[in-house]
Amino acid sequence: MPEDSLQALNARLSRFARERDWEQFHSPKNLVMALIAECAELVEHFQWLSEAQSLDLPPAKKDEVALEMADILIYLLRCSDRLDIDLLEATRRKIRINEDRYPVSKVYGDARRASEYED
């Protein structure tokens, strides 16, 4: 298994939790609650920034954002592991669904919700 694969990350995170006897706390409910808290922490870094500022973060801020994103990925992977969900397969399936819902010919340059497009 490649060291940089989601499987390898998931195995390392699972081992980390088991070694600390934290599996007991890692129910899907608890993991999702932690995930949303981390998402809120990520949002705080962008609150009140302009579009341009959000694209050009200073190095220290970008590093903080990277660590918040890592926290989000950690909780997402733990939750997928606890629910026995293949996150890569689910993502591939969701991309196919989105490709069907948002065909280029219909949505190019337009960011409305799928339900807002006329058939």
N, C-alpha and C. Protein backbone atom coordinates (compact mmCIF):
# COMPACT_ATOMS: atom_id res chain seq x y z
N MET A 1 0.86 -1.18 0.00
CA MET A 1 0.00 0.00 0.00
C MET A 1 0.90 1.24 0.00
N PRO A 2 0.68 2.17 -0.93
CA PRO A 2 1.51 3.38 -0.97
C PRO A 2 1.39 4.17 0.34
N GLU A 3 2.51 4.73 0.78
CA GLU A 3 2.54 5.45 2.05
C GLU A 3 1.62 6.66 2.06
N ASP A 4 1.37 7.26 0.88
CA ASP A 4 0.54 8.45 0.81
C ASP A 4 -0.90 8.16 0.41
N SER A 5 -1.34 6.92 0.53
CA SER A 5 -2.71 6.57 0.17
C SER A 5 -3.65 6.85 1.34
N LEU A 6 -4.94 6.95 1.03
CA LEU A 6 -5.93 7.11 2.10
C LEU A 6 -5.94 5.87 2.99
N GLN A 7 -5.72 4.70 2.41
CA GLN A 7 -5.66 3.47 3.21
C GLN A 7 -4.55 3.53 4.24
N ALA A 8 -3.38 4.00 3.82
CA ALA A 8 -2.25 4.10 4.74
C ALA A 8 -2.52 5.11 5.84
N LEU A 9 -3.09 6.25 5.47
CA LEU A 9 -3.45 7.26 6.48
C LEU A 9 -4.47 6.68 7.46
N ASN A 10 -5.46 6.01 6.92
CA ASN A 10 -6.51 5.42 7.74
C ASN A 10 -5.93 4.39 8.71
N ALA A 11 -5.02 3.55 8.23
CA ALA A 11 -4.39 2.55 9.09
C ALA A 11 -3.59 3.22 10.20
N ARG A 12 -2.89 4.28 9.87
CA ARG A 12 -2.09 4.99 10.88
C ARG A 12 -3.00 5.65 11.92
N LEU A 13 -4.10 6.24 11.46
CA LEU A 13 -5.04 6.88 12.39
C LEU A 13 -5.72 5.85 13.28
N SER A 14 -6.06 4.72 12.73
CA SER A 14 -6.67 3.65 13.50
C SER A 14 -5.71 3.14 14.57
N ARG A 15 -4.47 2.93 14.19
CA ARG A 15 -3.44 2.49 15.13
C ARG A 15 -3.25 3.53 16.24
N PHE A 16 -3.20 4.80 15.85
CA PHE A 16 -3.06 5.91 16.81
C PHE A 16 -4.17 5.85 17.86
N ALA A 17 -5.41 5.67 17.40
CA ALA A 17 -6.56 5.62 18.31
C ALA A 17 -6.52 4.38 19.20
N ARG A 18 -6.21 3.23 18.61
CA ARG A 18 -6.15 1.98 19.39
C ARG A 18 -5.08 2.04 20.46
N GLU A 19 -3.90 2.56 20.11
CA GLU A 19 -2.80 2.64 21.07
C GLU A 19 -3.15 3.49 22.29
N ARG A 20 -4.06 4.43 22.11
CA ARG A 20 -4.47 5.33 23.19
C ARG A 20 -5.80 4.93 23.82
N ASP A 21 -6.36 3.83 23.37
CA ASP A 21 -7.67 3.36 23.81
C ASP A 21 -8.74 4.42 23.56
N TRP A 22 -8.69 5.03 22.39
CA TRP A 22 -9.65 6.07 22.03
C TRP A 22 -10.76 5.56 21.12
N GLU A 23 -10.65 4.32 20.66
CA GLU A 23 -11.71 3.78 19.80
C GLU A 23 -13.08 3.91 20.48
N GLN A 24 -13.09 3.77 21.80
CA GLN A 24 -14.34 3.86 22.56
C GLN A 24 -15.01 5.22 22.39
N PHE A 25 -14.25 6.24 22.08
CA PHE A 25 -14.80 7.59 21.91
C PHE A 25 -15.10 7.90 20.44
N HIS A 26 -14.62 7.07 19.54
CA HIS A 26 -14.72 7.36 18.10
C HIS A 26 -15.96 6.73 17.46
N SER A 27 -17.10 7.04 18.02
CA SER A 27 -18.35 6.63 17.38
C SER A 27 -18.57 7.58 16.20
N PRO A 28 -19.33 7.15 15.20
CA PRO A 28 -19.61 8.07 14.09
C PRO A 28 -20.21 9.40 14.58
N LYS A 29 -21.10 9.35 15.54
CA LYS A 29 -21.71 10.57 16.08
C LYS A 29 -20.64 11.52 16.62
N ASN A 30 -19.75 11.00 17.45
CA ASN A 30 -18.71 11.85 18.04
C ASN A 30 -17.74 12.36 16.99
N LEU A 31 -17.40 11.51 16.04
CA LEU A 31 -16.47 11.93 14.99
C LEU A 31 -17.07 13.02 14.11
N VAL A 32 -18.35 12.90 13.79
CA VAL A 32 -19.01 13.93 12.97
C VAL A 32 -19.11 15.24 13.74
N MET A 33 -19.37 15.16 15.03
CA MET A 33 -19.42 16.38 15.84
C MET A 33 -18.04 17.06 15.87
N ALA A 34 -16.98 16.27 16.02
CA ALA A 34 -15.63 16.82 16.00
C ALA A 34 -15.31 17.39 14.61
N LEU A 35 -15.77 16.71 13.57
CA LEU A 35 -15.54 17.17 12.20
C LEU A 35 -16.15 18.54 11.96
N ILE A 36 -17.39 18.73 12.40
CA ILE A 36 -18.04 20.02 12.17
C ILE A 36 -17.37 21.13 12.98
N ALA A 37 -16.87 20.79 14.16
CA ALA A 37 -16.14 21.78 14.96
C ALA A 37 -14.87 22.20 14.24
N GLU A 38 -14.18 21.24 13.64
CA GLU A 38 -12.97 21.58 12.88
C GLU A 38 -13.30 22.40 11.64
N CYS A 39 -14.42 22.09 10.99
CA CYS A 39 -14.85 22.90 9.84
C CYS A 39 -15.09 24.34 10.26
N ALA A 40 -15.70 24.53 11.42
CA ALA A 40 -15.94 25.88 11.92
C ALA A 40 -14.62 26.60 12.19
N GLU A 41 -13.63 25.88 12.70
CA GLU A 41 -12.32 26.49 12.94
C GLU A 41 -11.67 26.90 11.62
N LEU A 42 -11.87 26.11 10.58
CA LEU A 42 -11.35 26.49 9.26
C LEU A 42 -12.04 27.75 8.75
N VAL A 43 -13.34 27.81 8.92
CA VAL A 43 -14.11 28.97 8.47
C VAL A 43 -13.59 30.26 9.13
N GLU A 44 -13.25 30.16 10.40
CA GLU A 44 -12.78 31.35 11.12
C GLU A 44 -11.57 32.00 10.45
N HIS A 45 -10.74 31.21 9.81
CA HIS A 45 -9.55 31.76 9.15
C HIS A 45 -9.92 32.61 7.93
N PHE A 46 -11.09 32.37 7.37
CA PHE A 46 -11.49 33.09 6.16
C PHE A 46 -12.55 34.16 6.42
N GLN A 47 -13.10 34.14 7.62
CA GLN A 47 -14.14 35.12 7.95
C GLN A 47 -13.58 36.52 7.80
N TRP A 48 -14.31 37.35 7.11
CA TRP A 48 -14.02 38.76 6.89
C TRP A 48 -12.93 39.01 5.85
N LEU A 49 -12.38 37.99 5.24
CA LEU A 49 -11.41 38.21 4.18
C LEU A 49 -12.14 38.48 2.86
N SER A 50 -11.53 39.23 2.01
CA SER A 50 -12.07 39.41 0.66
C SER A 50 -11.74 38.16 -0.15
N GLU A 51 -12.36 38.05 -1.32
CA GLU A 51 -12.05 36.93 -2.21
C GLU A 51 -10.55 36.91 -2.51
N ALA A 52 -9.98 38.07 -2.83
CA ALA A 52 -8.56 38.14 -3.17
C ALA A 52 -7.69 37.74 -1.98
N GLN A 53 -8.02 38.22 -0.79
CA GLN A 53 -7.24 37.86 0.40
C GLN A 53 -7.30 36.36 0.68
N SER A 54 -8.46 35.76 0.43
CA SER A 54 -8.60 34.33 0.70
C SER A 54 -7.73 33.49 -0.24
N LEU A 55 -7.40 34.04 -1.39
CA LEU A 55 -6.55 33.34 -2.36
C LEU A 55 -5.06 33.58 -2.12
N ASP A 56 -4.73 34.56 -1.28
CA ASP A 56 -3.34 34.94 -1.08
C ASP A 56 -3.03 35.04 0.41
N LEU A 57 -3.10 33.91 1.09
CA LEU A 57 -2.87 33.90 2.53
C LEU A 57 -1.39 34.07 2.84
N PRO A 58 -1.08 34.82 3.90
CA PRO A 58 0.32 34.88 4.34
C PRO A 58 0.79 33.48 4.76
N PRO A 59 2.09 33.20 4.68
CA PRO A 59 2.58 31.85 4.97
C PRO A 59 2.14 31.29 6.33
N ALA A 60 2.17 32.07 7.37
CA ALA A 60 1.78 31.57 8.70
C ALA A 60 0.30 31.20 8.72
N LYS A 61 -0.53 32.04 8.11
CA LYS A 61 -1.97 31.76 8.06
C LYS A 61 -2.24 30.53 7.20
N LYS A 62 -1.52 30.41 6.09
CA LYS A 62 -1.70 29.25 5.21
C LYS A 62 -1.35 27.96 5.96
N ASP A 63 -0.31 28.00 6.80
CA ASP A 63 0.06 26.83 7.58
C ASP A 63 -1.04 26.48 8.59
N GLU A 64 -1.62 27.48 9.24
CA GLU A 64 -2.72 27.24 10.17
C GLU A 64 -3.91 26.61 9.44
N VAL A 65 -4.21 27.13 8.25
CA VAL A 65 -5.30 26.58 7.43
C VAL A 65 -5.00 25.13 7.06
N ALA A 66 -3.77 24.86 6.69
CA ALA A 66 -3.38 23.49 6.32
C ALA A 66 -3.62 22.52 7.48
N LEU A 67 -3.28 22.94 8.69
CA LEU A 67 -3.48 22.06 9.85
C LEU A 67 -4.95 21.87 10.18
N GLU A 68 -5.77 22.90 9.98
CA GLU A 68 -7.22 22.73 10.17
C GLU A 68 -7.78 21.77 9.13
N MET A 69 -7.31 21.89 7.89
CA MET A 69 -7.76 20.97 6.85
C MET A 69 -7.33 19.54 7.16
N ALA A 70 -6.14 19.39 7.73
CA ALA A 70 -5.67 18.07 8.13
C ALA A 70 -6.58 17.49 9.23
N ASP A 71 -6.97 18.31 10.20
CA ASP A 71 -7.89 17.85 11.24
C ASP A 71 -9.20 17.36 10.62
N ILE A 72 -9.70 18.09 9.64
CA ILE A 72 -10.95 17.71 8.96
C ILE A 72 -10.78 16.36 8.27
N LEU A 73 -9.68 16.18 7.56
CA LEU A 73 -9.43 14.92 6.88
C LEU A 73 -9.30 13.77 7.89
N ILE A 74 -8.63 14.02 8.99
CA ILE A 74 -8.47 12.99 10.02
C ILE A 74 -9.83 12.52 10.52
N TYR A 75 -10.70 13.43 10.90
CA TYR A 75 -12.01 13.04 11.41
C TYR A 75 -12.86 12.38 10.33
N LEU A 76 -12.77 12.85 9.11
CA LEU A 76 -13.52 12.26 8.01
C LEU A 76 -13.05 10.82 7.75
N LEU A 77 -11.75 10.61 7.75
CA LEU A 77 -11.22 9.26 7.56
C LEU A 77 -11.61 8.34 8.71
N ARG A 78 -11.52 8.83 9.92
CA ARG A 78 -11.90 8.00 11.08
C ARG A 78 -13.37 7.60 10.98
N CYS A 79 -14.21 8.54 10.60
CA CYS A 79 -15.64 8.25 10.49
C CYS A 79 -15.90 7.24 9.38
N SER A 80 -15.23 7.39 8.25
CA SER A 80 -15.42 6.43 7.16
C SER A 80 -14.94 5.05 7.58
N ASP A 81 -13.87 4.99 8.36
CA ASP A 81 -13.37 3.70 8.84
C ASP A 81 -14.38 3.06 9.79
N ARG A 82 -14.91 3.83 10.72
CA ARG A 82 -15.85 3.29 11.70
C ARG A 82 -17.15 2.84 11.05
N LEU A 83 -17.52 3.45 9.93
CA LEU A 83 -18.75 3.07 9.22
C LEU A 83 -18.48 2.09 8.07
N ASP A 84 -17.21 1.72 7.91
CA ASP A 84 -16.81 0.82 6.83
C ASP A 84 -17.26 1.33 5.47
N ILE A 85 -16.93 2.60 5.21
CA ILE A 85 -17.25 3.24 3.94
C ILE A 85 -15.94 3.47 3.18
N ASP A 86 -15.91 3.02 1.94
CA ASP A 86 -14.77 3.27 1.06
C ASP A 86 -14.92 4.69 0.53
N LEU A 87 -14.19 5.59 1.14
CA LEU A 87 -14.34 7.01 0.83
C LEU A 87 -13.94 7.33 -0.61
N LEU A 88 -12.92 6.67 -1.13
CA LEU A 88 -12.53 6.91 -2.52
C LEU A 88 -13.63 6.47 -3.48
N GLU A 89 -14.22 5.30 -3.24
CA GLU A 89 -15.30 4.83 -4.11
C GLU A 89 -16.52 5.73 -3.99
N ALA A 90 -16.85 6.15 -2.78
CA ALA A 90 -17.99 7.06 -2.59
C ALA A 90 -17.75 8.38 -3.31
N THR A 91 -16.51 8.86 -3.27
CA THR A 91 -16.17 10.11 -3.95
C THR A 91 -16.26 9.96 -5.46
N ARG A 92 -15.76 8.86 -5.98
CA ARG A 92 -15.88 8.62 -7.43
C ARG A 92 -17.35 8.57 -7.85
N ARG A 93 -18.17 7.89 -7.04
CA ARG A 93 -19.60 7.79 -7.35
C ARG A 93 -20.26 9.17 -7.30
N LYS A 94 -19.90 9.98 -6.32
CA LYS A 94 -20.50 11.32 -6.19
C LYS A 94 -20.08 12.21 -7.35
N ILE A 95 -18.84 12.09 -7.80
CA ILE A 95 -18.39 12.88 -8.96
C ILE A 95 -19.21 12.50 -10.19
N ARG A 96 -19.46 11.20 -10.38
CA ARG A 96 -20.29 10.77 -11.53
C ARG A 96 -21.70 11.36 -11.42
N ILE A 97 -22.27 11.35 -10.23
CA ILE A 97 -23.60 11.93 -10.01
C ILE A 97 -23.58 13.41 -10.36
N ASN A 98 -22.56 14.13 -9.88
CA ASN A 98 -22.46 15.57 -10.16
C ASN A 98 -22.26 15.85 -11.63
N GLU A 99 -21.51 15.00 -12.31
CA GLU A 99 -21.32 15.18 -13.76
C GLU A 99 -22.65 15.06 -14.49
N ASP A 100 -23.50 14.16 -14.03
CA ASP A 100 -24.83 14.01 -14.65
C ASP A 100 -25.75 15.17 -14.28
N ARG A 101 -25.70 15.60 -13.03
CA ARG A 101 -26.57 16.69 -12.57
C ARG A 101 -26.18 18.05 -13.14
N TYR A 102 -24.90 18.22 -13.41
CA TYR A 102 -24.38 19.51 -13.86
C TYR A 102 -23.61 19.35 -15.17
N PRO A 103 -24.29 19.05 -16.26
CA PRO A 103 -23.58 18.91 -17.54
C PRO A 103 -22.98 20.25 -17.98
N VAL A 104 -21.79 20.20 -18.51
CA VAL A 104 -21.07 21.41 -18.92
C VAL A 104 -21.94 22.28 -19.81
N SER A 105 -22.63 21.67 -20.75
CA SER A 105 -23.44 22.43 -21.70
C SER A 105 -24.55 23.24 -21.03
N LYS A 106 -24.93 22.84 -19.83
CA LYS A 106 -26.03 23.49 -19.13
C LYS A 106 -25.55 24.50 -18.08
N VAL A 107 -24.40 24.25 -17.48
CA VAL A 107 -24.01 25.02 -16.29
C VAL A 107 -22.73 25.83 -16.45
N TYR A 108 -22.11 25.77 -17.59
CA TYR A 108 -20.82 26.45 -17.77
C TYR A 108 -20.90 27.91 -17.33
N GLY A 109 -20.06 28.28 -16.36
CA GLY A 109 -19.99 29.65 -15.87
C GLY A 109 -21.15 30.07 -14.99
N ASP A 110 -21.98 29.15 -14.56
CA ASP A 110 -23.17 29.45 -13.77
C ASP A 110 -23.18 28.55 -12.53
N ALA A 111 -23.30 29.12 -11.36
CA ALA A 111 -23.14 28.35 -10.12
C ALA A 111 -24.44 28.16 -9.35
N ARG A 112 -25.56 28.06 -10.05
CA ARG A 112 -26.82 27.82 -9.34
C ARG A 112 -26.91 26.37 -8.88
N ARG A 113 -27.87 26.10 -8.00
CA ARG A 113 -28.14 24.74 -7.54
C ARG A 113 -28.79 23.96 -8.69
N ALA A 114 -28.65 22.65 -8.66
CA ALA A 114 -29.19 21.81 -9.74
C ALA A 114 -30.69 22.02 -9.92
N SER A 115 -31.42 22.21 -8.84
CA SER A 115 -32.87 22.38 -8.92
C SER A 115 -33.29 23.70 -9.57
N GLU A 116 -32.35 24.62 -9.72
CA GLU A 116 -32.66 25.94 -10.29
C GLU A 116 -32.51 25.98 -11.81
N TYR A 117 -32.02 24.92 -12.41
CA TYR A 117 -31.87 24.87 -13.85
C TYR A 117 -33.12 24.31 -14.49
N GLU A 118 -33.52 24.89 -15.59
CA GLU A 118 -34.67 24.37 -16.32
C GLU A 118 -34.23 23.17 -17.13
N ASP A 119 -35.13 22.23 -17.32
CA ASP A 119 -34.81 21.04 -18.12
C ASP A 119 -34.86 21.35 -19.59
